[in-house]
């Protein structure tokens, strides 16, 4: 079974390159596999309202699965997440401080508020 993973390269001790004559899949197959992975893996949509300062923070540190949208109502951060990676998204949004307001999903908003409560309880 072929499966995608997101890994931190700074944690690897050894990396070996496969011999060029060993082809696991073509570039086209790899691209199609990755697109399918993203559609299935990142399946829970979210939306946040950003301030101008929040938009700047997102521009300096964002992920490919995020998109900033401007319309008459405001500046929005849209994307999708996987339940297994929800804590990463919560930590990312916490880093934006008061420059972000979660609109949806309910689960994201609840986990965000739980994390804020843990922070507040430290004081």
N, C-alpha and C. Protein backbone atom coordinates (compact mmCIF):
# COMPACT_ATOMS: atom_id res chain seq x y z
N UNK A 1 0.84 -1.19 0.00
CA UNK A 1 0.00 0.00 0.00
C UNK A 1 0.89 1.25 0.00
N UNK A 2 0.56 2.18 -0.88
CA UNK A 2 1.30 3.44 -0.95
C UNK A 2 0.59 4.46 -0.09
N UNK A 3 1.39 5.20 0.69
CA UNK A 3 0.80 6.18 1.61
C UNK A 3 1.70 7.39 1.72
N UNK A 4 1.12 8.56 1.84
CA UNK A 4 1.86 9.80 2.00
C UNK A 4 2.05 10.11 3.47
N UNK A 5 3.17 10.75 3.78
CA UNK A 5 3.46 11.21 5.14
C UNK A 5 4.09 12.59 5.06
N UNK A 6 3.85 13.38 6.08
CA UNK A 6 4.54 14.66 6.22
C UNK A 6 5.60 14.44 7.29
N UNK A 7 6.85 14.64 6.89
CA UNK A 7 7.97 14.37 7.79
C UNK A 7 8.86 15.60 7.90
N UNK A 8 9.48 15.77 9.07
CA UNK A 8 10.44 16.86 9.29
C UNK A 8 11.83 16.36 8.93
N UNK A 9 12.41 16.95 7.92
CA UNK A 9 13.73 16.50 7.47
C UNK A 9 14.83 16.81 8.47
N UNK A 10 14.62 17.80 9.33
CA UNK A 10 15.66 18.13 10.31
C UNK A 10 15.78 17.07 11.40
N UNK A 11 14.88 16.10 11.42
CA UNK A 11 14.92 15.02 12.41
C UNK A 11 15.54 13.73 11.87
N UNK A 12 15.85 13.69 10.57
CA UNK A 12 16.46 12.51 9.98
C UNK A 12 17.93 12.42 10.34
N UNK A 13 18.43 11.22 10.56
CA UNK A 13 19.86 11.01 10.80
C UNK A 13 20.56 10.64 9.51
N UNK A 14 19.89 9.85 8.65
CA UNK A 14 20.47 9.40 7.39
C UNK A 14 19.39 9.43 6.32
N UNK A 15 19.76 9.91 5.15
CA UNK A 15 18.86 9.89 4.00
C UNK A 15 19.65 9.30 2.84
N UNK A 16 19.07 8.31 2.19
CA UNK A 16 19.72 7.69 1.04
C UNK A 16 18.86 7.90 -0.19
N UNK A 17 19.52 8.23 -1.27
CA UNK A 17 18.81 8.40 -2.53
C UNK A 17 18.75 7.05 -3.24
N UNK A 18 17.57 6.74 -3.80
CA UNK A 18 17.42 5.51 -4.56
C UNK A 18 18.25 5.57 -5.84
N UNK A 19 18.66 4.43 -6.31
CA UNK A 19 19.38 4.38 -7.58
C UNK A 19 18.47 4.89 -8.68
N UNK A 20 19.01 5.69 -9.61
CA UNK A 20 18.17 6.26 -10.68
C UNK A 20 17.45 5.24 -11.53
N UNK A 21 17.96 4.00 -11.62
CA UNK A 21 17.31 3.00 -12.45
C UNK A 21 16.12 2.34 -11.75
N UNK A 22 15.94 2.64 -10.47
CA UNK A 22 14.81 2.07 -9.73
C UNK A 22 13.67 3.08 -9.69
N UNK A 23 12.69 2.88 -10.55
CA UNK A 23 11.55 3.79 -10.64
C UNK A 23 10.35 3.16 -9.93
N UNK A 24 9.87 3.83 -8.91
CA UNK A 24 8.71 3.32 -8.17
C UNK A 24 7.43 3.73 -8.87
N UNK A 25 7.37 4.97 -9.30
CA UNK A 25 6.23 5.45 -10.07
C UNK A 25 6.68 6.64 -10.90
N UNK A 26 5.97 6.90 -11.97
CA UNK A 26 6.32 8.02 -12.84
C UNK A 26 5.98 9.34 -12.15
N UNK A 27 6.51 10.41 -12.70
CA UNK A 27 6.24 11.74 -12.15
C UNK A 27 4.74 12.05 -12.20
N UNK A 28 4.08 11.65 -13.29
CA UNK A 28 2.64 11.86 -13.43
C UNK A 28 1.86 11.06 -12.39
N UNK A 29 2.25 9.79 -12.19
CA UNK A 29 1.59 8.95 -11.17
C UNK A 29 1.79 9.53 -9.78
N UNK A 30 3.00 10.03 -9.53
CA UNK A 30 3.30 10.64 -8.24
C UNK A 30 2.43 11.87 -8.00
N UNK A 31 2.29 12.70 -9.01
CA UNK A 31 1.46 13.91 -8.91
C UNK A 31 -0.01 13.56 -8.68
N UNK A 32 -0.52 12.59 -9.42
CA UNK A 32 -1.91 12.16 -9.24
C UNK A 32 -2.12 11.56 -7.85
N UNK A 33 -1.17 10.78 -7.39
CA UNK A 33 -1.27 10.17 -6.06
C UNK A 33 -1.31 11.25 -4.98
N UNK A 34 -0.47 12.28 -5.14
CA UNK A 34 -0.44 13.35 -4.15
C UNK A 34 -1.74 14.16 -4.16
N UNK A 35 -2.29 14.44 -5.32
CA UNK A 35 -3.55 15.17 -5.40
C UNK A 35 -4.68 14.38 -4.75
N UNK A 36 -4.71 13.08 -4.99
CA UNK A 36 -5.72 12.22 -4.37
C UNK A 36 -5.55 12.21 -2.85
N UNK A 37 -4.31 12.14 -2.40
CA UNK A 37 -4.02 12.18 -0.97
C UNK A 37 -4.54 13.46 -0.34
N UNK A 38 -4.23 14.61 -0.94
CA UNK A 38 -4.67 15.88 -0.37
C UNK A 38 -6.19 15.97 -0.30
N UNK A 39 -6.89 15.49 -1.33
CA UNK A 39 -8.35 15.55 -1.33
C UNK A 39 -8.95 14.66 -0.25
N UNK A 40 -8.37 13.50 -0.03
CA UNK A 40 -8.91 12.57 0.97
C UNK A 40 -8.41 12.89 2.37
N UNK A 41 -7.16 13.29 2.49
CA UNK A 41 -6.55 13.50 3.81
C UNK A 41 -7.03 14.80 4.46
N UNK A 42 -7.00 15.88 3.71
CA UNK A 42 -7.42 17.19 4.24
C UNK A 42 -8.89 17.38 3.88
N UNK A 43 -9.76 16.78 4.67
CA UNK A 43 -11.18 16.70 4.29
C UNK A 43 -12.10 17.54 5.18
N UNK A 44 -11.58 18.20 6.21
CA UNK A 44 -12.44 19.01 7.08
C UNK A 44 -12.15 20.49 6.81
N UNK A 45 -13.09 21.20 6.19
CA UNK A 45 -12.85 22.60 5.85
C UNK A 45 -12.92 23.50 7.07
N UNK A 46 -12.14 24.57 7.01
CA UNK A 46 -12.20 25.59 8.06
C UNK A 46 -12.14 26.97 7.42
N UNK A 47 -12.56 27.96 8.19
CA UNK A 47 -12.51 29.34 7.73
C UNK A 47 -12.27 30.24 8.92
N UNK A 48 -11.37 31.20 8.75
CA UNK A 48 -11.05 32.17 9.80
C UNK A 48 -11.09 33.57 9.21
N UNK A 49 -11.45 34.52 10.05
CA UNK A 49 -11.41 35.92 9.67
C UNK A 49 -10.08 36.49 10.15
N UNK A 50 -9.39 37.21 9.29
CA UNK A 50 -8.09 37.78 9.64
C UNK A 50 -8.14 39.30 9.66
N UNK A 51 -7.31 39.90 10.49
CA UNK A 51 -7.06 41.33 10.40
C UNK A 51 -5.97 41.53 9.35
N UNK A 52 -5.67 42.76 9.01
CA UNK A 52 -4.57 43.04 8.07
C UNK A 52 -3.26 42.50 8.61
N UNK A 53 -3.03 42.70 9.92
CA UNK A 53 -1.80 42.19 10.55
C UNK A 53 -1.79 40.66 10.51
N UNK A 54 -2.94 40.04 10.69
CA UNK A 54 -3.04 38.58 10.60
C UNK A 54 -2.72 38.09 9.20
N UNK A 55 -3.19 38.81 8.21
CA UNK A 55 -2.89 38.44 6.83
C UNK A 55 -1.38 38.49 6.59
N UNK A 56 -0.71 39.50 7.11
CA UNK A 56 0.74 39.61 6.95
C UNK A 56 1.45 38.44 7.62
N UNK A 57 1.00 38.08 8.82
CA UNK A 57 1.61 36.94 9.52
C UNK A 57 1.44 35.65 8.72
N UNK A 58 0.25 35.46 8.15
CA UNK A 58 0.00 34.26 7.35
C UNK A 58 0.89 34.26 6.10
N UNK A 59 1.07 35.43 5.47
CA UNK A 59 1.91 35.50 4.27
C UNK A 59 3.35 35.10 4.57
N UNK A 60 3.83 35.43 5.76
CA UNK A 60 5.22 35.10 6.12
C UNK A 60 5.37 33.65 6.56
N UNK A 61 4.28 33.01 6.96
CA UNK A 61 4.38 31.65 7.46
C UNK A 61 3.06 30.93 7.19
N UNK A 62 2.93 30.40 5.99
CA UNK A 62 1.70 29.68 5.66
C UNK A 62 2.04 28.32 5.08
N UNK A 63 1.02 27.55 4.84
CA UNK A 63 1.16 26.20 4.28
C UNK A 63 0.42 26.14 2.96
N UNK A 64 0.84 25.23 2.07
CA UNK A 64 0.20 25.16 0.75
C UNK A 64 -1.31 24.89 0.79
N UNK A 65 -1.81 24.30 1.87
CA UNK A 65 -3.24 23.98 1.94
C UNK A 65 -4.07 25.14 2.49
N UNK A 66 -3.43 26.30 2.64
CA UNK A 66 -4.13 27.50 3.13
C UNK A 66 -4.28 28.50 1.99
N UNK A 67 -5.36 29.27 2.07
CA UNK A 67 -5.61 30.27 1.05
C UNK A 67 -6.19 31.52 1.71
N UNK A 68 -5.64 32.68 1.40
CA UNK A 68 -6.18 33.95 1.88
C UNK A 68 -7.09 34.51 0.81
N UNK A 69 -8.31 34.84 1.21
CA UNK A 69 -9.34 35.34 0.29
C UNK A 69 -9.78 36.73 0.77
N UNK A 70 -9.85 37.67 -0.16
CA UNK A 70 -10.38 39.01 0.13
C UNK A 70 -11.77 39.12 -0.49
N UNK A 71 -12.71 39.63 0.28
CA UNK A 71 -14.01 40.00 -0.29
C UNK A 71 -14.54 41.20 0.50
N UNK A 72 -15.72 41.64 0.20
CA UNK A 72 -16.26 42.84 0.85
C UNK A 72 -16.43 42.69 2.36
N UNK A 73 -16.65 41.46 2.81
CA UNK A 73 -16.86 41.22 4.24
C UNK A 73 -15.56 41.20 5.04
N UNK A 74 -14.43 40.95 4.38
CA UNK A 74 -13.17 40.93 5.10
C UNK A 74 -12.11 40.07 4.44
N UNK A 75 -11.11 39.72 5.24
CA UNK A 75 -9.99 38.90 4.79
C UNK A 75 -10.15 37.54 5.47
N UNK A 76 -10.17 36.49 4.68
CA UNK A 76 -10.43 35.15 5.21
C UNK A 76 -9.26 34.21 4.95
N UNK A 77 -9.03 33.35 5.91
CA UNK A 77 -8.09 32.25 5.76
C UNK A 77 -8.92 30.98 5.62
N UNK A 78 -8.84 30.36 4.46
CA UNK A 78 -9.60 29.13 4.19
C UNK A 78 -8.63 27.98 4.00
N UNK A 79 -9.08 26.80 4.36
CA UNK A 79 -8.27 25.61 4.14
C UNK A 79 -9.02 24.38 4.62
N UNK A 80 -8.29 23.30 4.67
CA UNK A 80 -8.83 22.03 5.16
C UNK A 80 -7.77 21.36 6.01
N UNK A 81 -8.22 20.54 6.95
CA UNK A 81 -7.29 19.83 7.81
C UNK A 81 -7.75 18.39 8.00
N UNK A 82 -6.84 17.60 8.50
CA UNK A 82 -7.13 16.22 8.86
C UNK A 82 -7.22 16.17 10.37
N UNK A 83 -8.15 15.41 10.89
CA UNK A 83 -8.38 15.32 12.34
C UNK A 83 -7.10 14.99 13.11
N UNK A 84 -6.25 14.14 12.53
CA UNK A 84 -4.99 13.76 13.19
C UNK A 84 -4.04 14.93 13.34
N UNK A 85 -4.20 15.97 12.53
CA UNK A 85 -3.29 17.11 12.53
C UNK A 85 -3.94 18.37 13.10
N UNK A 86 -5.09 18.21 13.73
CA UNK A 86 -5.82 19.36 14.27
C UNK A 86 -4.98 20.17 15.25
N UNK A 87 -4.22 19.50 16.10
CA UNK A 87 -3.42 20.22 17.10
C UNK A 87 -2.38 21.13 16.45
N UNK A 88 -1.85 20.75 15.28
CA UNK A 88 -0.90 21.62 14.58
C UNK A 88 -1.59 22.90 14.11
N UNK A 89 -2.80 22.75 13.59
CA UNK A 89 -3.54 23.92 13.12
C UNK A 89 -3.91 24.83 14.28
N UNK A 90 -4.32 24.24 15.40
CA UNK A 90 -4.63 25.05 16.59
C UNK A 90 -3.41 25.85 17.01
N UNK A 91 -2.26 25.20 17.10
CA UNK A 91 -1.03 25.90 17.49
C UNK A 91 -0.68 27.01 16.50
N UNK A 92 -0.87 26.74 15.22
CA UNK A 92 -0.61 27.76 14.20
C UNK A 92 -1.52 28.97 14.40
N UNK A 93 -2.81 28.73 14.61
CA UNK A 93 -3.76 29.83 14.78
C UNK A 93 -3.49 30.59 16.08
N UNK A 94 -3.10 29.89 17.13
CA UNK A 94 -2.73 30.55 18.39
C UNK A 94 -1.58 31.53 18.14
N UNK A 95 -0.66 31.15 17.26
CA UNK A 95 0.49 32.01 16.98
C UNK A 95 0.09 33.33 16.31
N UNK A 96 -1.12 33.39 15.76
CA UNK A 96 -1.60 34.62 15.14
C UNK A 96 -2.18 35.60 16.16
N UNK A 97 -2.31 35.15 17.41
CA UNK A 97 -2.80 36.02 18.48
C UNK A 97 -4.20 36.55 18.21
N UNK A 98 -4.38 37.83 18.47
CA UNK A 98 -5.71 38.44 18.32
C UNK A 98 -6.01 38.84 16.88
N UNK A 99 -5.17 38.43 15.96
CA UNK A 99 -5.34 38.79 14.55
C UNK A 99 -6.18 37.78 13.78
N UNK A 100 -6.77 36.81 14.49
CA UNK A 100 -7.55 35.77 13.84
C UNK A 100 -8.81 35.47 14.65
N UNK A 101 -9.89 35.15 13.94
CA UNK A 101 -11.13 34.69 14.58
C UNK A 101 -11.63 33.49 13.78
N UNK A 102 -11.81 32.37 14.46
CA UNK A 102 -12.26 31.15 13.79
C UNK A 102 -13.76 31.23 13.55
N UNK A 103 -14.15 31.01 12.32
CA UNK A 103 -15.56 31.01 11.95
C UNK A 103 -16.09 29.57 11.91
N UNK A 104 -15.34 28.69 11.27
CA UNK A 104 -15.70 27.28 11.22
C UNK A 104 -14.44 26.47 11.05
N UNK A 105 -14.35 25.33 11.45
CA UNK A 105 -15.31 24.35 11.91
C UNK A 105 -15.53 24.47 13.42
N UNK A 106 -16.62 23.91 13.89
CA UNK A 106 -16.93 23.92 15.32
C UNK A 106 -15.83 23.21 16.10
N UNK A 107 -15.38 22.07 15.59
CA UNK A 107 -14.33 21.29 16.26
C UNK A 107 -13.05 22.13 16.41
N UNK A 108 -12.66 22.84 15.37
CA UNK A 108 -11.47 23.68 15.42
C UNK A 108 -11.63 24.78 16.47
N UNK A 109 -12.79 25.42 16.47
CA UNK A 109 -13.06 26.48 17.43
C UNK A 109 -13.00 25.95 18.87
N UNK A 110 -13.59 24.78 19.11
CA UNK A 110 -13.58 24.19 20.45
C UNK A 110 -12.17 23.85 20.91
N UNK A 111 -11.37 23.24 20.04
CA UNK A 111 -9.99 22.88 20.40
C UNK A 111 -9.14 24.13 20.61
N UNK A 112 -9.40 25.17 19.83
CA UNK A 112 -8.70 26.45 19.98
C UNK A 112 -9.00 27.06 21.35
N UNK A 113 -10.28 27.08 21.71
CA UNK A 113 -10.68 27.64 23.01
C UNK A 113 -10.14 26.81 24.17
N UNK A 114 -10.10 25.48 24.02
CA UNK A 114 -9.52 24.62 25.06
C UNK A 114 -8.04 24.96 25.26
N UNK A 115 -7.33 25.17 24.17
CA UNK A 115 -5.90 25.51 24.25
C UNK A 115 -5.73 26.87 24.92
N UNK A 116 -6.57 27.83 24.57
CA UNK A 116 -6.51 29.15 25.21
C UNK A 116 -6.77 29.05 26.71
N UNK A 117 -7.71 28.20 27.11
CA UNK A 117 -8.00 28.01 28.53
C UNK A 117 -6.78 27.43 29.27
N UNK A 118 -6.09 26.49 28.65
CA UNK A 118 -4.89 25.93 29.26
C UNK A 118 -3.81 26.99 29.41
N UNK A 119 -3.72 27.88 28.42
CA UNK A 119 -2.75 28.98 28.51
C UNK A 119 -3.13 29.91 29.64
N UNK A 120 -4.39 30.30 29.72
CA UNK A 120 -4.88 31.22 30.76
C UNK A 120 -4.66 30.62 32.15
N UNK A 121 -4.89 29.32 32.29
CA UNK A 121 -4.75 28.67 33.61
C UNK A 121 -3.30 28.67 34.10
N UNK A 122 -2.36 28.94 33.24
CA UNK A 122 -0.97 29.01 33.67
C UNK A 122 -0.67 30.29 34.47
N UNK A 123 -1.60 31.25 34.43
CA UNK A 123 -1.35 32.54 35.08
C UNK A 123 -2.19 32.77 36.30
